[in-house]
Amino acid sequence: MAVPQGGGGLFSKLKSLDAYPKINEDFFTKTMSGGIITIVASVVMVVLFLSELRLYMTKQSVHELSVDIGRGEKISIH
């Protein structure tokens, strides 16, 4: 697929976001697919981070009820 070589188009902006360019001989080639992968991976990382942060910051109440199994003991009531 031929990508138009425009000055400030969407395709050139996606190419500039490619954090992991493909090495072609001794040059780094930034691709549109690399830019899309970078955006998707960044969004997934932010969502996972915020999800874990929300779980960490949420207080959880644990209610526990147990039966006193001591025999012959008396409770003093005043």
PDB file of N, CA and C in Angstrom:
ATOM      1  N   MET A   1       0.851  -1.178   0.000  1.00  0.00           N
ATOM      2  CA  MET A   1       0.000   0.000   0.000  1.00  0.00           C
ATOM      3  C   MET A   1       0.888   1.228   0.000  1.00  0.00           C
ATOM      4  N   ALA A   2       0.682   2.092  -0.961  1.00  0.00           N
ATOM      5  CA  ALA A   2       1.478   3.307  -1.059  1.00  0.00           C
ATOM      6  C   ALA A   2       0.909   4.360  -0.121  1.00  0.00           C
ATOM      7  N   VAL A   3       1.790   4.945   0.674  1.00  0.00           N
ATOM      8  CA  VAL A   3       1.383   5.977   1.624  1.00  0.00           C
ATOM      9  C   VAL A   3       1.759   7.329   1.034  1.00  0.00           C
ATOM     10  N   PRO A   4       0.793   8.257   0.945  1.00  0.00           N
ATOM     11  CA  PRO A   4       1.118   9.572   0.399  1.00  0.00           C
ATOM     12  C   PRO A   4       2.135  10.284   1.276  1.00  0.00           C
ATOM     13  N   GLN A   5       3.077  10.941   0.641  1.00  0.00           N
ATOM     14  CA  GLN A   5       4.130  11.656   1.336  1.00  0.00           C
ATOM     15  C   GLN A   5       3.742  13.116   1.508  1.00  0.00           C
ATOM     16  N   GLY A   6       2.736  13.377   2.333  1.00  0.00           N
ATOM     17  CA  GLY A   6       2.276  14.740   2.566  1.00  0.00           C
ATOM     18  C   GLY A   6       3.084  15.412   3.651  1.00  0.00           C
ATOM     19  N   GLY A   7       2.917  16.712   3.767  1.00  0.00           N
ATOM     20  CA  GLY A   7       3.646  17.470   4.759  1.00  0.00           C
ATOM     21  C   GLY A   7       3.153  17.232   6.168  1.00  0.00           C
ATOM     22  N   GLY A   8       1.866  17.380   6.424  1.00  0.00           N
ATOM     23  CA  GLY A   8       1.373  17.260   7.784  1.00  0.00           C
ATOM     24  C   GLY A   8       0.162  16.371   7.881  1.00  0.00           C
ATOM     25  N   GLY A   9       0.085  15.365   7.029  1.00  0.00           N
ATOM     26  CA  GLY A   9      -1.078  14.496   7.019  1.00  0.00           C
ATOM     27  C   GLY A   9      -1.075  13.518   8.186  1.00  0.00           C
ATOM     28  N   LEU A  10      -2.166  12.798   8.303  1.00  0.00           N
ATOM     29  CA  LEU A  10      -2.328  11.822   9.374  1.00  0.00           C
ATOM     30  C   LEU A  10      -1.281  10.720   9.274  1.00  0.00           C
ATOM     31  N   PHE A  11      -0.978  10.289   8.047  1.00  0.00           N
ATOM     32  CA  PHE A  11      -0.013   9.211   7.863  1.00  0.00           C
ATOM     33  C   PHE A  11       1.384   9.612   8.324  1.00  0.00           C
ATOM     34  N   SER A  12       1.799  10.818   8.022  1.00  0.00           N
ATOM     35  CA  SER A  12       3.132  11.251   8.444  1.00  0.00           C
ATOM     36  C   SER A  12       3.194  11.439   9.955  1.00  0.00           C
ATOM     37  N   LYS A  13       2.076  11.841  10.569  1.00  0.00           N
ATOM     38  CA  LYS A  13       2.046  11.967  12.026  1.00  0.00           C
ATOM     39  C   LYS A  13       2.136  10.595  12.683  1.00  0.00           C
ATOM     40  N   LEU A  14       1.443   9.590  12.108  1.00  0.00           N
ATOM     41  CA  LEU A  14       1.542   8.239  12.643  1.00  0.00           C
ATOM     42  C   LEU A  14       2.949   7.681  12.489  1.00  0.00           C
ATOM     43  N   LYS A  15       3.593   7.975  11.367  1.00  0.00           N
ATOM     44  CA  LYS A  15       4.968   7.527  11.177  1.00  0.00           C
ATOM     45  C   LYS A  15       5.905   8.135  12.208  1.00  0.00           C
ATOM     46  N   SER A  16       5.680   9.391  12.575  1.00  0.00           N
ATOM     47  CA  SER A  16       6.569  10.044  13.536  1.00  0.00           C
ATOM     48  C   SER A  16       6.376   9.508  14.945  1.00  0.00           C
ATOM     49  N   LEU A  17       5.251   8.841  15.226  1.00  0.00           N
ATOM     50  CA  LEU A  17       5.001   8.265  16.548  1.00  0.00           C
ATOM     51  C   LEU A  17       5.599   6.870  16.708  1.00  0.00           C
ATOM     52  N   ASP A  18       6.170   6.319  15.670  1.00  0.00           N
ATOM     53  CA  ASP A  18       6.715   4.961  15.716  1.00  0.00           C
ATOM     54  C   ASP A  18       7.909   4.924  16.667  1.00  0.00           C
ATOM     55  N   ALA A  19       7.706   4.339  17.855  1.00  0.00           N
ATOM     56  CA  ALA A  19       8.770   4.278  18.854  1.00  0.00           C
ATOM     57  C   ALA A  19       9.759   3.144  18.561  1.00  0.00           C
ATOM     58  N   TYR A  20       9.351   2.168  17.765  1.00  0.00           N
ATOM     59  CA  TYR A  20      10.199   1.025  17.446  1.00  0.00           C
ATOM     60  C   TYR A  20      10.370   0.920  15.931  1.00  0.00           C
ATOM     61  N   PRO A  21      11.189   1.788  15.356  1.00  0.00           N
ATOM     62  CA  PRO A  21      11.344   1.766  13.901  1.00  0.00           C
ATOM     63  C   PRO A  21      12.057   0.506  13.427  1.00  0.00           C
ATOM     64  N   LYS A  22      11.744   0.072  12.200  1.00  0.00           N
ATOM     65  CA  LYS A  22      12.402  -1.087  11.610  1.00  0.00           C
ATOM     66  C   LYS A  22      13.761  -0.660  11.053  1.00  0.00           C
ATOM     67  N   ILE A  23      14.757  -1.475  11.316  1.00  0.00           N
ATOM     68  CA  ILE A  23      16.106  -1.138  10.857  1.00  0.00           C
ATOM     69  C   ILE A  23      16.252  -1.632   9.417  1.00  0.00           C
ATOM     70  N   ASN A  24      16.605  -0.730   8.534  1.00  0.00           N
ATOM     71  CA  ASN A  24      16.839  -1.043   7.133  1.00  0.00           C
ATOM     72  C   ASN A  24      18.277  -0.679   6.830  1.00  0.00           C
ATOM     73  N   GLU A  25      19.137  -1.657   6.801  1.00  0.00           N
ATOM     74  CA  GLU A  25      20.583  -1.488   6.686  1.00  0.00           C
ATOM     75  C   GLU A  25      21.064  -0.665   7.877  1.00  0.00           C
ATOM     76  N   ASP A  26      21.522   0.521   7.736  1.00  0.00           N
ATOM     77  CA  ASP A  26      21.987   1.320   8.868  1.00  0.00           C
ATOM     78  C   ASP A  26      21.068   2.486   9.166  1.00  0.00           C
ATOM     79  N   PHE A  27      19.835   2.452   8.670  1.00  0.00           N
ATOM     80  CA  PHE A  27      18.905   3.551   8.866  1.00  0.00           C
ATOM     81  C   PHE A  27      17.688   3.060   9.649  1.00  0.00           C
ATOM     82  N   PHE A  28      17.080   3.968  10.359  1.00  0.00           N
ATOM     83  CA  PHE A  28      15.837   3.659  11.058  1.00  0.00           C
ATOM     84  C   PHE A  28      14.681   4.107  10.178  1.00  0.00           C
ATOM     85  N   THR A  29      13.758   3.218   9.920  1.00  0.00           N
ATOM     86  CA  THR A  29      12.595   3.531   9.109  1.00  0.00           C
ATOM     87  C   THR A  29      11.362   3.523  10.002  1.00  0.00           C
ATOM     88  N   LYS A  30      10.710   4.659  10.111  1.00  0.00           N
ATOM     89  CA  LYS A  30       9.492   4.752  10.899  1.00  0.00           C
ATOM     90  C   LYS A  30       8.317   4.453   9.987  1.00  0.00           C
ATOM     91  N   THR A  31       7.456   3.543  10.446  1.00  0.00           N
ATOM     92  CA  THR A  31       6.326   3.127   9.621  1.00  0.00           C
ATOM     93  C   THR A  31       5.010   3.511  10.277  1.00  0.00           C
ATOM     94  N   MET A  32       3.956   3.541   9.475  1.00  0.00           N
ATOM     95  CA  MET A  32       2.636   3.862   9.992  1.00  0.00           C
ATOM     96  C   MET A  32       2.149   2.755  10.922  1.00  0.00           C
ATOM     97  N   SER A  33       2.420   1.501  10.581  1.00  0.00           N
ATOM     98  CA  SER A  33       1.989   0.397  11.442  1.00  0.00           C
ATOM     99  C   SER A  33       2.709   0.452  12.786  1.00  0.00           C
ATOM    100  N   GLY A  34       3.951   0.870  12.788  1.00  0.00           N
ATOM    101  CA  GLY A  34       4.677   1.038  14.046  1.00  0.00           C
ATOM    102  C   GLY A  34       4.082   2.140  14.905  1.00  0.00           C
ATOM    103  N   GLY A  35       3.626   3.211  14.270  1.00  0.00           N
ATOM    104  CA  GLY A  35       2.977   4.298  15.003  1.00  0.00           C
ATOM    105  C   GLY A  35       1.662   3.857  15.610  1.00  0.00           C
ATOM    106  N   ILE A  36       0.896   3.061  14.855  1.00  0.00           N
ATOM    107  CA  ILE A  36      -0.380   2.546  15.364  1.00  0.00           C
ATOM    108  C   ILE A  36      -0.141   1.602  16.535  1.00  0.00           C
ATOM    109  N   ILE A  37       0.854   0.728  16.413  1.00  0.00           N
ATOM    110  CA  ILE A  37       1.193  -0.197  17.500  1.00  0.00           C
ATOM    111  C   ILE A  37       1.614   0.579  18.739  1.00  0.00           C
ATOM    112  N   THR A  38       2.379   1.645  18.568  1.00  0.00           N
ATOM    113  CA  THR A  38       2.812   2.467  19.696  1.00  0.00           C
ATOM    114  C   THR A  38       1.623   3.109  20.394  1.00  0.00           C
ATOM    115  N   ILE A  39       0.682   3.633  19.629  1.00  0.00           N
ATOM    116  CA  ILE A  39      -0.503   4.270  20.217  1.00  0.00           C
ATOM    117  C   ILE A  39      -1.343   3.238  20.968  1.00  0.00           C
ATOM    118  N   VAL A  40      -1.599   2.084  20.346  1.00  0.00           N
ATOM    119  CA  VAL A  40      -2.412   1.040  20.978  1.00  0.00           C
ATOM    120  C   VAL A  40      -1.736   0.535  22.253  1.00  0.00           C
ATOM    121  N   ALA A  41      -0.435   0.287  22.196  1.00  0.00           N
ATOM    122  CA  ALA A  41       0.281  -0.201  23.372  1.00  0.00           C
ATOM    123  C   ALA A  41       0.274   0.837  24.485  1.00  0.00           C
ATOM    124  N   SER A  42       0.416   2.111  24.136  1.00  0.00           N
ATOM    125  CA  SER A  42       0.389   3.169  25.147  1.00  0.00           C
ATOM    126  C   SER A  42      -0.977   3.261  25.813  1.00  0.00           C
ATOM    127  N   VAL A  43      -2.045   3.160  25.020  1.00  0.00           N
ATOM    128  CA  VAL A  43      -3.396   3.215  25.581  1.00  0.00           C
ATOM    129  C   VAL A  43      -3.629   2.025  26.508  1.00  0.00           C
ATOM    130  N   VAL A  44      -3.202   0.833  26.100  1.00  0.00           N
ATOM    131  CA  VAL A  44      -3.371  -0.359  26.936  1.00  0.00           C
ATOM    132  C   VAL A  44      -2.598  -0.197  28.247  1.00  0.00           C
ATOM    133  N   MET A  45      -1.374   0.320  28.184  1.00  0.00           N
ATOM    134  CA  MET A  45      -0.579   0.512  29.398  1.00  0.00           C
ATOM    135  C   MET A  45      -1.226   1.516  30.340  1.00  0.00           C
ATOM    136  N   VAL A  46      -1.767   2.604  29.807  1.00  0.00           N
ATOM    137  CA  VAL A  46      -2.419   3.609  30.647  1.00  0.00           C
ATOM    138  C   VAL A  46      -3.678   3.034  31.288  1.00  0.00           C
ATOM    139  N   VAL A  47      -4.471   2.283  30.522  1.00  0.00           N
ATOM    140  CA  VAL A  47      -5.691   1.679  31.062  1.00  0.00           C
ATOM    141  C   VAL A  47      -5.346   0.685  32.168  1.00  0.00           C
ATOM    142  N   LEU A  48      -4.342  -0.151  31.958  1.00  0.00           N
ATOM    143  CA  LEU A  48      -3.936  -1.112  32.980  1.00  0.00           C
ATOM    144  C   LEU A  48      -3.418  -0.410  34.225  1.00  0.00           C
ATOM    145  N   PHE A  49      -2.627   0.642  34.042  1.00  0.00           N
ATOM    146  CA  PHE A  49      -2.096   1.387  35.186  1.00  0.00           C
ATOM    147  C   PHE A  49      -3.219   2.013  35.995  1.00  0.00           C
ATOM    148  N   LEU A  50      -4.160   2.669  35.311  1.00  0.00           N
ATOM    149  CA  LEU A  50      -5.268   3.311  36.019  1.00  0.00           C
ATOM    150  C   LEU A  50      -6.165   2.289  36.706  1.00  0.00           C
ATOM    151  N   SER A  51      -6.354   1.138  36.088  1.00  0.00           N
ATOM    152  CA  SER A  51      -7.151   0.077  36.698  1.00  0.00           C
ATOM    153  C   SER A  51      -6.491  -0.426  37.981  1.00  0.00           C
ATOM    154  N   GLU A  52      -5.197  -0.665  37.933  1.00  0.00           N
ATOM    155  CA  GLU A  52      -4.478  -1.123  39.126  1.00  0.00           C
ATOM    156  C   GLU A  52      -4.447  -0.043  40.200  1.00  0.00           C
ATOM    157  N   LEU A  53      -4.303   1.205  39.805  1.00  0.00           N
ATOM    158  CA  LEU A  53      -4.294   2.301  40.768  1.00  0.00           C
ATOM    159  C   LEU A  53      -5.651   2.422  41.448  1.00  0.00           C
ATOM    160  N   ARG A  54      -6.737   2.267  40.690  1.00  0.00           N
ATOM    161  CA  ARG A  54      -8.076   2.334  41.259  1.00  0.00           C
ATOM    162  C   ARG A  54      -8.282   1.205  42.270  1.00  0.00           C
ATOM    163  N   LEU A  55      -7.845   0.003  41.929  1.00  0.00           N
ATOM    164  CA  LEU A  55      -7.976  -1.118  42.862  1.00  0.00           C
ATOM    165  C   LEU A  55      -7.136  -0.901  44.116  1.00  0.00           C
ATOM    166  N   TYR A  56      -5.960  -0.312  43.971  1.00  0.00           N
ATOM    167  CA  TYR A  56      -5.086  -0.056  45.107  1.00  0.00           C
ATOM    168  C   TYR A  56      -5.679   1.002  46.028  1.00  0.00           C
ATOM    169  N   MET A  57      -6.304   2.021  45.450  1.00  0.00           N
ATOM    170  CA  MET A  57      -6.839   3.125  46.240  1.00  0.00           C
ATOM    171  C   MET A  57      -8.213   2.823  46.848  1.00  0.00           C
ATOM    172  N   THR A  58      -8.891   1.783  46.382  1.00  0.00           N
ATOM    173  CA  THR A  58     -10.216   1.438  46.890  1.00  0.00           C
ATOM    174  C   THR A  58     -10.077   0.687  48.209  1.00  0.00           C
ATOM    175  N   LYS A  59     -10.821   1.141  49.202  1.00  0.00           N
ATOM    176  CA  LYS A  59     -10.806   0.466  50.491  1.00  0.00           C
ATOM    177  C   LYS A  59     -11.799  -0.678  50.463  1.00  0.00           C
ATOM    178  N   GLN A  60     -11.405  -1.787  51.042  1.00  0.00           N
ATOM    179  CA  GLN A  60     -12.268  -2.953  51.092  1.00  0.00           C
ATOM    180  C   GLN A  60     -12.565  -3.282  52.546  1.00  0.00           C
ATOM    181  N   SER A  61     -13.824  -3.466  52.854  1.00  0.00           N
ATOM    182  CA  SER A  61     -14.228  -3.849  54.205  1.00  0.00           C
ATOM    183  C   SER A  61     -14.409  -5.355  54.255  1.00  0.00           C
ATOM    184  N   VAL A  62     -13.785  -5.962  55.242  1.00  0.00           N
ATOM    185  CA  VAL A  62     -13.918  -7.400  55.426  1.00  0.00           C
ATOM    186  C   VAL A  62     -14.633  -7.618  56.744  1.00  0.00           C
ATOM    187  N   HIS A  63     -15.813  -8.217  56.677  1.00  0.00           N
ATOM    188  CA  HIS A  63     -16.604  -8.496  57.866  1.00  0.00           C
ATOM    189  C   HIS A  63     -16.399  -9.956  58.247  1.00  0.00           C
ATOM    190  N   GLU A  64     -16.095 -10.163  59.521  1.00  0.00           N
ATOM    191  CA  GLU A  64     -15.838 -11.517  59.979  1.00  0.00           C
ATOM    192  C   GLU A  64     -16.607 -11.757  61.265  1.00  0.00           C
ATOM    193  N   LEU A  65     -17.272 -12.868  61.333  1.00  0.00           N
ATOM    194  CA  LEU A  65     -18.047 -13.234  62.502  1.00  0.00           C
ATOM    195  C   LEU A  65     -17.598 -14.614  62.931  1.00  0.00           C
ATOM    196  N   SER A  66     -17.261 -14.759  64.214  1.00  0.00           N
ATOM    197  CA  SER A  66     -16.837 -16.066  64.708  1.00  0.00           C
ATOM    198  C   SER A  66     -17.582 -16.383  65.996  1.00  0.00           C
ATOM    199  N   VAL A  67     -17.742 -17.637  66.239  1.00  0.00           N
ATOM    200  CA  VAL A  67     -18.459 -18.110  67.423  1.00  0.00           C
ATOM    201  C   VAL A  67     -17.444 -18.372  68.525  1.00  0.00           C
ATOM    202  N   ASP A  68     -17.757 -17.872  69.743  1.00  0.00           N
ATOM    203  CA  ASP A  68     -16.899 -18.124  70.892  1.00  0.00           C
ATOM    204  C   ASP A  68     -17.140 -19.557  71.345  1.00  0.00           C
ATOM    205  N   ILE A  69     -16.119 -20.372  71.230  1.00  0.00           N
ATOM    206  CA  ILE A  69     -16.284 -21.784  71.557  1.00  0.00           C
ATOM    207  C   ILE A  69     -15.795 -22.121  72.974  1.00  0.00           C
ATOM    208  N   GLY A  70     -15.468 -21.110  73.775  1.00  0.00           N
ATOM    209  CA  GLY A  70     -15.039 -21.352  75.154  1.00  0.00           C
ATOM    210  C   GLY A  70     -16.211 -21.864  75.987  1.00  0.00           C
ATOM    211  N   ARG A  71     -16.005 -22.962  76.698  1.00  0.00           N
ATOM    212  CA  ARG A  71     -17.073 -23.560  77.495  1.00  0.00           C
ATOM    213  C   ARG A  71     -16.884 -23.200  78.964  1.00  0.00           C
ATOM    214  N   GLY A  72     -17.965 -22.938  79.607  1.00  0.00           N
ATOM    215  CA  GLY A  72     -17.932 -22.678  81.032  1.00  0.00           C
ATOM    216  C   GLY A  72     -17.490 -21.280  81.397  1.00  0.00           C
ATOM    217  N   GLU A  73     -17.230 -20.446  80.434  1.00  0.00           N
ATOM    218  CA  GLU A  73     -16.813 -19.092  80.731  1.00  0.00           C
ATOM    219  C   GLU A  73     -18.050 -18.214  80.848  1.00  0.00           C
ATOM    220  N   LYS A  74     -17.974 -17.261  81.732  1.00  0.00           N
ATOM    221  CA  LYS A  74     -19.104 -16.368  81.942  1.00  0.00           C
ATOM    222  C   LYS A  74     -18.719 -14.969  81.497  1.00  0.00           C
ATOM    223  N   ILE A  75     -19.671 -14.282  80.931  1.00  0.00           N
ATOM    224  CA  ILE A  75     -19.466 -12.906  80.525  1.00  0.00           C
ATOM    225  C   ILE A  75     -20.031 -12.016  81.614  1.00  0.00           C
ATOM    226  N   SER A  76     -19.207 -11.131  82.126  1.00  0.00           N
ATOM    227  CA  SER A  76     -19.707 -10.234  83.179  1.00  0.00           C
ATOM    228  C   SER A  76     -20.371  -9.030  82.523  1.00  0.00           C
ATOM    229  N   ILE A  77     -21.623  -8.777  82.937  1.00  0.00           N
ATOM    230  CA  ILE A  77     -22.379  -7.660  82.414  1.00  0.00           C
ATOM    231  C   ILE A  77     -22.620  -6.699  83.558  1.00  0.00           C
ATOM    232  N   HIS A  78     -22.257  -5.463  83.385  1.00  0.00           N
ATOM    233  CA  HIS A  78     -22.434  -4.437  84.424  1.00  0.00           C
ATOM    234  C   HIS A  78     -23.435  -3.410  83.981  1.00  0.00           C
TER     235      HIS A  78
END
